[in-house]
Amino acid sequence: MSGAFDDLRARIAENDREIVARVNTRLRLVAELWQVKEEQGAPRVDPEREARLRESLAAANEGPLSPDGLERLVTELLDLTKEELGS
């Protein structure tokens, strides 16, 4: 394979590692947030906040990720967070 091919594969692999690291960071931050919410007697899940998150990410999406693809990604991220942290 060509050098360009290998370079692109290496960059994709690095990007994938960064995604995993960012998801792990998100999980840690949400766990901290949920602890604070528990101390304050607030519910863990805030549907209004989730709606604002979706709107914010849709506004920030410059593509090529489609709006439908972004919706799937956010839904999976929120579901994964709840599953991993046991909501």
N, C-alpha and C. Protein backbone atom coordinates (compact mmCIF):
# COMPACT_ATOMS: atom_id res chain seq x y z
N MET A 1 0.84 -1.19 0.00
CA MET A 1 0.00 0.00 0.00
C MET A 1 0.88 1.25 0.00
N SER A 2 0.29 2.33 -0.42
CA SER A 2 1.04 3.57 -0.54
C SER A 2 1.21 4.25 0.81
N GLY A 3 2.12 5.19 0.86
CA GLY A 3 2.33 5.97 2.06
C GLY A 3 1.10 6.76 2.45
N ALA A 4 0.39 7.27 1.45
CA ALA A 4 -0.83 8.04 1.72
C ALA A 4 -1.88 7.15 2.40
N PHE A 5 -1.99 5.92 1.92
CA PHE A 5 -2.94 4.96 2.49
C PHE A 5 -2.60 4.71 3.96
N ASP A 6 -1.34 4.41 4.22
CA ASP A 6 -0.90 4.13 5.59
C ASP A 6 -1.07 5.35 6.49
N ASP A 7 -0.78 6.53 5.95
CA ASP A 7 -0.93 7.76 6.72
C ASP A 7 -2.39 7.99 7.09
N LEU A 8 -3.28 7.80 6.14
CA LEU A 8 -4.70 8.00 6.42
C LEU A 8 -5.21 6.99 7.45
N ARG A 9 -4.78 5.74 7.30
CA ARG A 9 -5.19 4.73 8.30
C ARG A 9 -4.68 5.09 9.69
N ALA A 10 -3.45 5.57 9.79
CA ALA A 10 -2.89 5.96 11.09
C ALA A 10 -3.67 7.13 11.67
N ARG A 11 -4.02 8.09 10.84
CA ARG A 11 -4.79 9.25 11.31
C ARG A 11 -6.19 8.84 11.76
N ILE A 12 -6.80 7.93 11.04
CA ILE A 12 -8.13 7.42 11.44
C ILE A 12 -8.03 6.69 12.78
N ALA A 13 -7.01 5.86 12.94
CA ALA A 13 -6.83 5.13 14.20
C ALA A 13 -6.61 6.09 15.37
N GLU A 14 -5.83 7.12 15.16
CA GLU A 14 -5.61 8.13 16.21
C GLU A 14 -6.92 8.83 16.54
N ASN A 15 -7.68 9.18 15.53
CA ASN A 15 -8.98 9.82 15.75
C ASN A 15 -9.89 8.91 16.57
N ASP A 16 -9.91 7.62 16.24
CA ASP A 16 -10.75 6.67 16.98
C ASP A 16 -10.33 6.58 18.44
N ARG A 17 -9.02 6.60 18.70
CA ARG A 17 -8.54 6.58 20.09
C ARG A 17 -8.98 7.85 20.82
N GLU A 18 -8.95 8.99 20.12
CA GLU A 18 -9.40 10.24 20.73
C GLU A 18 -10.89 10.20 21.05
N ILE A 19 -11.68 9.59 20.18
CA ILE A 19 -13.11 9.45 20.44
C ILE A 19 -13.34 8.66 21.71
N VAL A 20 -12.63 7.53 21.86
CA VAL A 20 -12.78 6.70 23.05
C VAL A 20 -12.37 7.49 24.29
N ALA A 21 -11.28 8.22 24.20
CA ALA A 21 -10.82 9.02 25.35
C ALA A 21 -11.85 10.08 25.71
N ARG A 22 -12.44 10.72 24.72
CA ARG A 22 -13.45 11.76 24.98
C ARG A 22 -14.72 11.17 25.59
N VAL A 23 -15.12 9.99 25.12
CA VAL A 23 -16.30 9.35 25.71
C VAL A 23 -16.02 8.99 27.16
N ASN A 24 -14.83 8.49 27.45
CA ASN A 24 -14.48 8.17 28.84
C ASN A 24 -14.47 9.43 29.70
N THR A 25 -13.95 10.53 29.17
CA THR A 25 -13.98 11.80 29.91
C THR A 25 -15.42 12.22 30.16
N ARG A 26 -16.28 12.09 29.15
CA ARG A 26 -17.69 12.44 29.31
C ARG A 26 -18.34 11.61 30.41
N LEU A 27 -18.06 10.32 30.43
CA LEU A 27 -18.63 9.45 31.45
C LEU A 27 -18.19 9.89 32.85
N ARG A 28 -16.93 10.23 33.00
CA ARG A 28 -16.44 10.69 34.32
C ARG A 28 -17.13 11.98 34.74
N LEU A 29 -17.28 12.91 33.80
CA LEU A 29 -17.91 14.19 34.12
C LEU A 29 -19.39 14.02 34.46
N VAL A 30 -20.08 13.18 33.71
CA VAL A 30 -21.50 12.94 34.00
C VAL A 30 -21.65 12.27 35.35
N ALA A 31 -20.75 11.33 35.68
CA ALA A 31 -20.81 10.69 37.00
C ALA A 31 -20.66 11.74 38.11
N GLU A 32 -19.74 12.69 37.92
CA GLU A 32 -19.59 13.77 38.90
C GLU A 32 -20.85 14.62 38.98
N LEU A 33 -21.41 14.96 37.82
CA LEU A 33 -22.63 15.75 37.79
C LEU A 33 -23.76 15.04 38.51
N TRP A 34 -23.90 13.75 38.25
CA TRP A 34 -24.98 12.99 38.90
C TRP A 34 -24.79 12.94 40.41
N GLN A 35 -23.54 12.91 40.86
CA GLN A 35 -23.28 12.94 42.30
C GLN A 35 -23.76 14.27 42.89
N VAL A 36 -23.46 15.36 42.21
CA VAL A 36 -23.90 16.68 42.68
C VAL A 36 -25.43 16.75 42.66
N LYS A 37 -26.03 16.24 41.60
CA LYS A 37 -27.49 16.24 41.52
C LYS A 37 -28.10 15.43 42.66
N GLU A 38 -27.49 14.29 42.96
CA GLU A 38 -28.00 13.45 44.06
C GLU A 38 -27.92 14.22 45.38
N GLU A 39 -26.81 14.90 45.61
CA GLU A 39 -26.65 15.68 46.83
C GLU A 39 -27.68 16.80 46.93
N GLN A 40 -28.11 17.32 45.79
CA GLN A 40 -29.07 18.42 45.77
C GLN A 40 -30.50 17.95 45.59
N GLY A 41 -30.68 16.63 45.45
CA GLY A 41 -32.02 16.09 45.30
C GLY A 41 -32.63 16.31 43.93
N ALA A 42 -31.79 16.54 42.94
CA ALA A 42 -32.28 16.76 41.57
C ALA A 42 -32.29 15.43 40.81
N PRO A 43 -33.20 15.29 39.85
CA PRO A 43 -33.22 14.06 39.05
C PRO A 43 -31.99 13.98 38.15
N ARG A 44 -31.56 12.74 37.90
CA ARG A 44 -30.38 12.54 37.06
C ARG A 44 -30.61 13.00 35.63
N VAL A 45 -31.74 12.63 35.08
CA VAL A 45 -32.01 12.91 33.67
C VAL A 45 -32.86 14.17 33.55
N ASP A 46 -32.46 15.05 32.64
CA ASP A 46 -33.15 16.31 32.39
C ASP A 46 -33.50 16.37 30.91
N PRO A 47 -34.72 15.99 30.54
CA PRO A 47 -35.10 15.98 29.12
C PRO A 47 -34.92 17.34 28.44
N GLU A 48 -35.15 18.42 29.15
CA GLU A 48 -34.96 19.75 28.56
C GLU A 48 -33.49 19.99 28.24
N ARG A 49 -32.60 19.56 29.13
CA ARG A 49 -31.17 19.71 28.90
C ARG A 49 -30.74 18.85 27.70
N GLU A 50 -31.28 17.64 27.61
CA GLU A 50 -30.95 16.78 26.47
C GLU A 50 -31.41 17.43 25.17
N ALA A 51 -32.57 18.08 25.17
CA ALA A 51 -33.06 18.76 23.97
C ALA A 51 -32.14 19.92 23.59
N ARG A 52 -31.68 20.68 24.60
CA ARG A 52 -30.76 21.78 24.33
C ARG A 52 -29.43 21.26 23.80
N LEU A 53 -28.97 20.12 24.32
CA LEU A 53 -27.74 19.51 23.83
C LEU A 53 -27.88 19.16 22.35
N ARG A 54 -29.00 18.53 22.00
CA ARG A 54 -29.24 18.15 20.60
C ARG A 54 -29.24 19.40 19.70
N GLU A 55 -29.91 20.45 20.14
CA GLU A 55 -29.96 21.70 19.36
C GLU A 55 -28.57 22.30 19.20
N SER A 56 -27.81 22.33 20.29
CA SER A 56 -26.47 22.90 20.26
C SER A 56 -25.55 22.13 19.33
N LEU A 57 -25.61 20.81 19.40
CA LEU A 57 -24.75 20.00 18.54
C LEU A 57 -25.19 20.09 17.08
N ALA A 58 -26.49 20.20 16.83
CA ALA A 58 -26.97 20.37 15.46
C ALA A 58 -26.45 21.69 14.88
N ALA A 59 -26.45 22.74 15.69
CA ALA A 59 -25.96 24.03 15.23
C ALA A 59 -24.45 24.01 14.98
N ALA A 60 -23.73 23.20 15.75
CA ALA A 60 -22.27 23.13 15.62
C ALA A 60 -21.82 22.18 14.51
N ASN A 61 -22.71 21.32 14.04
CA ASN A 61 -22.34 20.31 13.05
C ASN A 61 -22.09 20.96 11.69
N GLU A 62 -20.86 20.87 11.23
CA GLU A 62 -20.47 21.45 9.94
C GLU A 62 -20.40 20.39 8.84
N GLY A 63 -20.78 19.14 9.16
CA GLY A 63 -20.77 18.08 8.17
C GLY A 63 -19.38 17.55 7.92
N PRO A 64 -19.29 16.46 7.24
CA PRO A 64 -20.31 15.85 6.40
C PRO A 64 -21.34 14.99 7.15
N LEU A 65 -21.29 14.95 8.46
CA LEU A 65 -22.28 14.18 9.22
C LEU A 65 -23.66 14.79 8.97
N SER A 66 -24.59 13.97 8.52
CA SER A 66 -25.94 14.44 8.21
C SER A 66 -26.71 14.73 9.50
N PRO A 67 -27.78 15.51 9.42
CA PRO A 67 -28.61 15.72 10.61
C PRO A 67 -29.13 14.41 11.19
N ASP A 68 -29.54 13.47 10.33
CA ASP A 68 -30.01 12.17 10.83
C ASP A 68 -28.87 11.40 11.49
N GLY A 69 -27.69 11.46 10.90
CA GLY A 69 -26.54 10.79 11.49
C GLY A 69 -26.18 11.38 12.84
N LEU A 70 -26.25 12.71 12.94
CA LEU A 70 -25.97 13.37 14.22
C LEU A 70 -27.00 12.96 15.26
N GLU A 71 -28.26 12.90 14.87
CA GLU A 71 -29.31 12.50 15.80
C GLU A 71 -29.05 11.08 16.32
N ARG A 72 -28.66 10.19 15.45
CA ARG A 72 -28.33 8.81 15.86
C ARG A 72 -27.15 8.81 16.81
N LEU A 73 -26.11 9.60 16.49
CA LEU A 73 -24.92 9.66 17.33
C LEU A 73 -25.25 10.17 18.73
N VAL A 74 -26.01 11.25 18.82
CA VAL A 74 -26.35 11.82 20.12
C VAL A 74 -27.23 10.86 20.91
N THR A 75 -28.19 10.24 20.25
CA THR A 75 -29.05 9.27 20.93
C THR A 75 -28.22 8.13 21.49
N GLU A 76 -27.30 7.60 20.70
CA GLU A 76 -26.44 6.52 21.17
C GLU A 76 -25.56 6.97 22.33
N LEU A 77 -25.02 8.17 22.23
CA LEU A 77 -24.16 8.69 23.30
C LEU A 77 -24.93 8.84 24.60
N LEU A 78 -26.12 9.39 24.53
CA LEU A 78 -26.94 9.56 25.74
C LEU A 78 -27.36 8.20 26.30
N ASP A 79 -27.77 7.29 25.43
CA ASP A 79 -28.16 5.94 25.89
C ASP A 79 -26.97 5.20 26.50
N LEU A 80 -25.82 5.31 25.86
CA LEU A 80 -24.61 4.66 26.38
C LEU A 80 -24.23 5.22 27.74
N THR A 81 -24.30 6.53 27.88
CA THR A 81 -23.98 7.17 29.16
C THR A 81 -24.89 6.63 30.26
N LYS A 82 -26.18 6.59 30.00
CA LYS A 82 -27.13 6.10 31.01
C LYS A 82 -26.87 4.62 31.33
N GLU A 83 -26.58 3.84 30.31
CA GLU A 83 -26.31 2.42 30.53
C GLU A 83 -25.03 2.20 31.31
N GLU A 84 -23.98 2.89 30.93
CA GLU A 84 -22.68 2.72 31.60
C GLU A 84 -22.73 3.18 33.06
N LEU A 85 -23.48 4.24 33.31
CA LEU A 85 -23.51 4.81 34.67
C LEU A 85 -24.71 4.33 35.48
N GLY A 86 -25.56 3.52 34.87
CA GLY A 86 -26.65 2.92 35.61
C GLY A 86 -27.74 3.87 36.03
N SER A 87 -28.28 4.61 35.07
CA SER A 87 -29.35 5.56 35.45
C SER A 87 -30.64 4.85 35.76
